N, C-alpha and C. Protein backbone atom coordinates (compact mmCIF):
# COMPACT_ATOMS: atom_id res chain seq x y z
N UNK A 1 0.83 -1.12 0.00
CA UNK A 1 0.02 0.03 0.07
C UNK A 1 0.96 1.26 -0.04
N UNK A 2 0.61 2.18 -0.82
CA UNK A 2 1.38 3.40 -0.92
C UNK A 2 1.10 4.28 0.34
N UNK A 3 2.02 5.16 0.68
CA UNK A 3 1.88 6.07 1.77
C UNK A 3 0.57 6.91 1.63
N UNK A 4 0.27 7.39 0.51
CA UNK A 4 -0.82 8.17 0.30
C UNK A 4 -2.23 7.41 0.48
N UNK A 5 -2.16 6.20 -0.01
CA UNK A 5 -3.31 5.33 0.24
C UNK A 5 -3.45 5.03 1.74
N UNK A 6 -2.35 4.84 2.40
CA UNK A 6 -2.33 4.56 3.89
C UNK A 6 -2.91 5.77 4.59
N UNK A 7 -2.65 6.97 4.17
CA UNK A 7 -3.20 8.19 4.81
C UNK A 7 -4.67 8.25 4.51
N UNK A 8 -5.11 7.91 3.28
CA UNK A 8 -6.55 7.87 3.06
C UNK A 8 -7.19 6.92 3.96
N UNK A 9 -6.65 5.69 4.10
CA UNK A 9 -7.19 4.75 5.01
C UNK A 9 -7.25 5.17 6.43
N UNK A 10 -6.22 5.84 6.86
CA UNK A 10 -6.08 6.44 8.23
C UNK A 10 -7.15 7.45 8.53
N UNK A 11 -7.47 8.33 7.48
CA UNK A 11 -8.54 9.30 7.69
C UNK A 11 -9.90 8.68 7.91
N UNK A 12 -10.05 7.55 7.16
CA UNK A 12 -11.31 6.84 7.30
C UNK A 12 -11.37 6.17 8.74
N UNK A 13 -10.37 5.64 9.14
CA UNK A 13 -10.22 5.01 10.47
C UNK A 13 -10.53 6.10 11.54
N UNK A 14 -9.89 7.28 11.33
CA UNK A 14 -10.17 8.34 12.37
C UNK A 14 -11.62 8.74 12.42
N UNK A 15 -12.20 8.86 11.18
CA UNK A 15 -13.70 9.24 11.19
C UNK A 15 -14.55 8.08 11.93
N UNK A 16 -14.13 6.89 11.83
CA UNK A 16 -14.81 5.79 12.48
C UNK A 16 -14.64 5.88 13.96
N UNK A 17 -13.40 6.13 14.39
CA UNK A 17 -13.15 6.37 15.83
C UNK A 17 -13.97 7.42 16.44
N UNK A 18 -14.06 8.54 15.74
CA UNK A 18 -14.90 9.68 16.26
C UNK A 18 -16.28 9.30 16.29
N UNK A 19 -16.85 8.63 15.28
CA UNK A 19 -18.19 8.23 15.14
C UNK A 19 -18.54 7.23 16.34
N UNK A 20 -17.55 6.37 16.68
CA UNK A 20 -17.70 5.45 17.78
C UNK A 20 -17.39 6.12 19.15
N UNK A 21 -17.01 7.40 19.16
CA UNK A 21 -16.65 8.08 20.35
C UNK A 21 -15.39 7.43 21.07
N UNK A 22 -14.54 6.89 20.35
CA UNK A 22 -13.32 6.28 20.91
C UNK A 22 -12.21 7.21 20.86
N UNK A 23 -12.35 8.31 21.59
CA UNK A 23 -11.50 9.51 21.47
C UNK A 23 -10.12 9.21 22.11
N UNK A 24 -9.96 8.21 23.08
CA UNK A 24 -8.75 7.88 23.55
C UNK A 24 -7.83 7.27 22.50
N UNK A 25 -8.35 6.70 21.51
CA UNK A 25 -7.51 6.07 20.42
C UNK A 25 -6.95 7.02 19.45
N UNK A 26 -7.46 8.29 19.48
CA UNK A 26 -7.01 9.28 18.45
C UNK A 26 -5.53 9.69 18.60
N UNK A 27 -4.95 9.67 19.88
CA UNK A 27 -3.57 10.09 20.00
C UNK A 27 -2.58 9.06 19.26
N UNK A 28 -2.87 7.84 19.36
CA UNK A 28 -2.11 6.86 18.80
C UNK A 28 -2.21 7.00 17.17
N UNK A 29 -3.42 7.23 16.77
CA UNK A 29 -3.64 7.55 15.30
C UNK A 29 -2.84 8.64 14.79
N UNK A 30 -2.83 9.66 15.60
CA UNK A 30 -2.13 10.92 15.20
C UNK A 30 -0.67 10.62 15.01
N UNK A 31 -0.08 9.77 15.84
CA UNK A 31 1.31 9.45 15.80
C UNK A 31 1.60 8.67 14.49
N UNK A 32 0.67 7.84 14.16
CA UNK A 32 0.78 7.10 12.87
C UNK A 32 0.72 8.02 11.76
N UNK A 33 -0.15 9.02 11.81
CA UNK A 33 -0.36 9.93 10.73
C UNK A 33 0.99 10.71 10.52
N UNK A 34 1.49 11.23 11.61
CA UNK A 34 2.65 12.05 11.55
C UNK A 34 3.87 11.20 10.94
N UNK A 35 3.91 9.92 11.21
CA UNK A 35 5.03 9.09 10.58
C UNK A 35 4.75 8.95 9.04
N UNK A 36 3.51 8.76 8.73
CA UNK A 36 3.20 8.63 7.32
C UNK A 36 3.44 9.95 6.54
N UNK A 37 3.10 11.10 7.12
CA UNK A 37 3.38 12.34 6.51
C UNK A 37 4.87 12.54 6.33
N UNK A 38 5.68 12.14 7.27
CA UNK A 38 7.13 12.25 7.08
C UNK A 38 7.66 11.32 6.08
N UNK A 39 6.94 10.27 5.74
CA UNK A 39 7.45 9.30 4.74
C UNK A 39 6.96 9.62 3.40
N UNK A 40 6.14 10.62 3.16
CA UNK A 40 5.73 10.94 1.83
C UNK A 40 6.89 11.40 1.00
N UNK A 41 6.95 10.92 -0.21
CA UNK A 41 8.01 11.28 -1.26
C UNK A 41 7.83 12.70 -1.61
N UNK A 42 8.98 13.34 -1.93
CA UNK A 42 9.00 14.68 -2.36
C UNK A 42 9.74 14.71 -3.71
N UNK A 43 9.13 15.19 -4.86
CA UNK A 43 7.87 15.72 -4.90
C UNK A 43 6.81 14.49 -4.99
N UNK A 44 5.65 14.81 -4.73
CA UNK A 44 4.52 13.83 -4.76
C UNK A 44 4.26 13.38 -6.19
N UNK A 45 4.05 12.07 -6.45
CA UNK A 45 3.67 11.69 -7.73
C UNK A 45 2.21 11.95 -7.99
N UNK A 46 1.83 12.04 -9.27
CA UNK A 46 0.43 12.48 -9.60
C UNK A 46 -0.49 11.39 -9.07
N UNK A 47 -0.14 10.25 -8.79
CA UNK A 47 -1.03 9.16 -8.32
C UNK A 47 -1.47 9.48 -6.88
N UNK A 48 -0.69 10.37 -6.24
CA UNK A 48 -1.01 10.66 -4.78
C UNK A 48 -2.06 11.67 -4.69
N UNK A 49 -2.48 12.41 -5.72
CA UNK A 49 -3.37 13.51 -5.61
C UNK A 49 -4.78 13.16 -5.15
N UNK A 50 -5.39 12.18 -5.79
CA UNK A 50 -6.80 11.78 -5.47
C UNK A 50 -6.88 11.25 -4.08
N UNK A 51 -6.02 10.30 -3.65
CA UNK A 51 -6.16 9.74 -2.25
C UNK A 51 -5.89 10.82 -1.22
N UNK A 52 -4.93 11.74 -1.49
CA UNK A 52 -4.71 12.78 -0.45
C UNK A 52 -5.85 13.74 -0.40
N UNK A 53 -6.51 14.08 -1.53
CA UNK A 53 -7.68 14.89 -1.57
C UNK A 53 -8.81 14.25 -0.76
N UNK A 54 -9.00 12.93 -0.93
CA UNK A 54 -9.97 12.19 -0.24
C UNK A 54 -9.71 12.18 1.33
N UNK A 55 -8.39 11.99 1.66
CA UNK A 55 -8.03 11.99 2.97
C UNK A 55 -8.32 13.35 3.66
N UNK A 56 -8.04 14.39 2.96
CA UNK A 56 -8.21 15.79 3.45
C UNK A 56 -9.70 16.05 3.65
N UNK A 57 -10.55 15.63 2.65
CA UNK A 57 -11.99 15.82 2.79
C UNK A 57 -12.56 15.06 3.95
N UNK A 58 -12.11 13.84 4.12
CA UNK A 58 -12.56 13.03 5.24
C UNK A 58 -12.11 13.70 6.59
N UNK A 59 -10.89 14.14 6.71
CA UNK A 59 -10.40 14.70 7.84
C UNK A 59 -11.11 16.04 8.17
N UNK A 60 -11.48 16.74 7.18
CA UNK A 60 -12.23 18.00 7.43
C UNK A 60 -13.57 17.73 7.97
N UNK A 61 -14.22 16.72 7.44
CA UNK A 61 -15.51 16.34 7.99
C UNK A 61 -15.44 15.75 9.40
N UNK A 62 -14.41 15.06 9.65
CA UNK A 62 -14.13 14.56 11.03
C UNK A 62 -13.96 15.73 11.99
N UNK A 63 -13.16 16.73 11.59
CA UNK A 63 -12.94 17.89 12.40
C UNK A 63 -14.22 18.66 12.72
N UNK A 64 -15.08 18.71 11.80
CA UNK A 64 -16.38 19.40 12.02
C UNK A 64 -17.11 18.54 13.06
N UNK A 65 -17.13 17.32 13.03
CA UNK A 65 -17.92 16.45 14.03
C UNK A 65 -17.23 16.72 15.38
N UNK A 66 -15.91 16.76 15.49
CA UNK A 66 -15.23 16.94 16.69
C UNK A 66 -15.51 18.31 17.32
N UNK A 67 -15.60 19.34 16.49
CA UNK A 67 -15.95 20.64 16.92
C UNK A 67 -17.30 20.69 17.48
N UNK A 68 -18.29 20.07 16.87
CA UNK A 68 -19.60 20.00 17.29
C UNK A 68 -19.69 19.27 18.64
N UNK A 69 -18.96 18.13 18.79
CA UNK A 69 -18.83 17.41 19.99
C UNK A 69 -18.27 18.21 21.16
N UNK A 70 -17.13 18.95 20.82
CA UNK A 70 -16.54 19.90 21.81
C UNK A 70 -17.59 20.94 22.30
N UNK A 71 -18.33 21.50 21.40
CA UNK A 71 -19.31 22.54 21.76
C UNK A 71 -20.39 21.88 22.74
N UNK A 72 -20.83 20.74 22.39
CA UNK A 72 -21.78 20.06 23.21
C UNK A 72 -21.29 19.77 24.63
N UNK A 73 -20.00 19.35 24.71
CA UNK A 73 -19.30 19.03 25.95
C UNK A 73 -19.19 20.37 26.79
N UNK A 74 -18.86 21.39 26.09
CA UNK A 74 -18.70 22.72 26.78
C UNK A 74 -20.04 23.14 27.39
N UNK A 75 -21.11 22.96 26.57
CA UNK A 75 -22.42 23.28 27.06
C UNK A 75 -22.88 22.42 28.31
N UNK A 76 -22.55 21.18 28.24
CA UNK A 76 -22.86 20.26 29.35
C UNK A 76 -22.03 20.65 30.58
N UNK A 77 -20.78 21.06 30.47
CA UNK A 77 -19.98 21.48 31.63
C UNK A 77 -20.60 22.71 32.19
N UNK A 78 -21.05 23.66 31.34
CA UNK A 78 -21.79 24.89 31.86
C UNK A 78 -22.95 24.54 32.63
N UNK A 79 -23.72 23.61 32.17
CA UNK A 79 -25.00 23.16 32.93
C UNK A 79 -24.59 22.54 34.28
N UNK A 80 -23.46 21.78 34.29
CA UNK A 80 -23.09 21.20 35.57
C UNK A 80 -22.58 22.21 36.47
N UNK A 81 -21.84 23.19 36.01
CA UNK A 81 -21.41 24.34 36.83
C UNK A 81 -22.55 25.05 37.52
N UNK A 82 -23.50 25.41 36.68
CA UNK A 82 -24.66 26.12 37.16
C UNK A 82 -25.40 25.31 38.18
N UNK A 83 -25.60 23.97 37.93
CA UNK A 83 -26.30 23.12 38.88
C UNK A 83 -25.47 23.01 40.23
N UNK A 84 -24.20 22.94 40.09
CA UNK A 84 -23.45 22.87 41.35
C UNK A 84 -23.55 24.14 42.07
N UNK A 85 -23.62 25.25 41.52
CA UNK A 85 -23.86 26.51 42.24
C UNK A 85 -25.17 26.49 42.98
N UNK A 86 -26.22 25.99 42.30
CA UNK A 86 -27.56 25.92 42.94
C UNK A 86 -27.47 24.99 44.08
N UNK A 87 -26.81 23.90 44.04
CA UNK A 87 -26.78 22.89 45.12
C UNK A 87 -25.98 23.53 46.28
N UNK A 88 -24.95 24.28 46.02
CA UNK A 88 -24.18 24.90 47.05
C UNK A 88 -25.00 26.01 47.84
N UNK A 89 -25.95 26.57 47.07
CA UNK A 89 -26.88 27.55 47.74
C UNK A 89 -27.81 26.84 48.62
N UNK A 90 -28.33 25.71 48.29
CA UNK A 90 -29.13 24.81 49.21
C UNK A 90 -28.33 24.48 50.46
N UNK A 91 -27.03 24.10 50.29
CA UNK A 91 -26.21 23.67 51.26
C UNK A 91 -26.08 24.86 52.37
N UNK A 92 -25.86 26.05 51.92
CA UNK A 92 -25.73 27.17 52.76
C UNK A 92 -27.06 27.43 53.48
N UNK A 93 -28.12 27.29 52.79
CA UNK A 93 -29.50 27.57 53.33
C UNK A 93 -29.77 26.59 54.49
N UNK A 94 -29.43 25.34 54.25
CA UNK A 94 -29.69 24.29 55.31
C UNK A 94 -28.55 23.92 56.17
N UNK A 95 -27.46 24.79 56.12
CA UNK A 95 -26.22 24.65 56.99
C UNK A 95 -25.69 23.18 56.88
N UNK A 96 -25.68 22.69 55.63
CA UNK A 96 -25.04 21.36 55.40
C UNK A 96 -23.53 21.39 55.48
N UNK A 97 -22.94 20.47 56.18
CA UNK A 97 -21.45 20.41 56.27
C UNK A 97 -20.96 19.63 55.01
N UNK A 98 -19.88 20.09 54.46
CA UNK A 98 -19.29 19.41 53.33
C UNK A 98 -18.22 18.53 53.79
């Protein structure tokens, strides 16, 4: 398998990891991507163009999904903080010891 085909497959694997919410596995995948990028020949042959375009397109879509997930997590953390503040207010009202 060529390096550019491996990068295309890696982008697909990354998209599946994100879809499966297996975020802990992304660090190892990133290390593999870095090694593959370093192994790309210079200059790139014409045969590399389509697989690399596909990999880039897949990776951009994955980044969009990750950004949406990050926004949702941020909103959830905000709700938890507000809820915690409310609970602390009750604790003060009823003199609950922490």
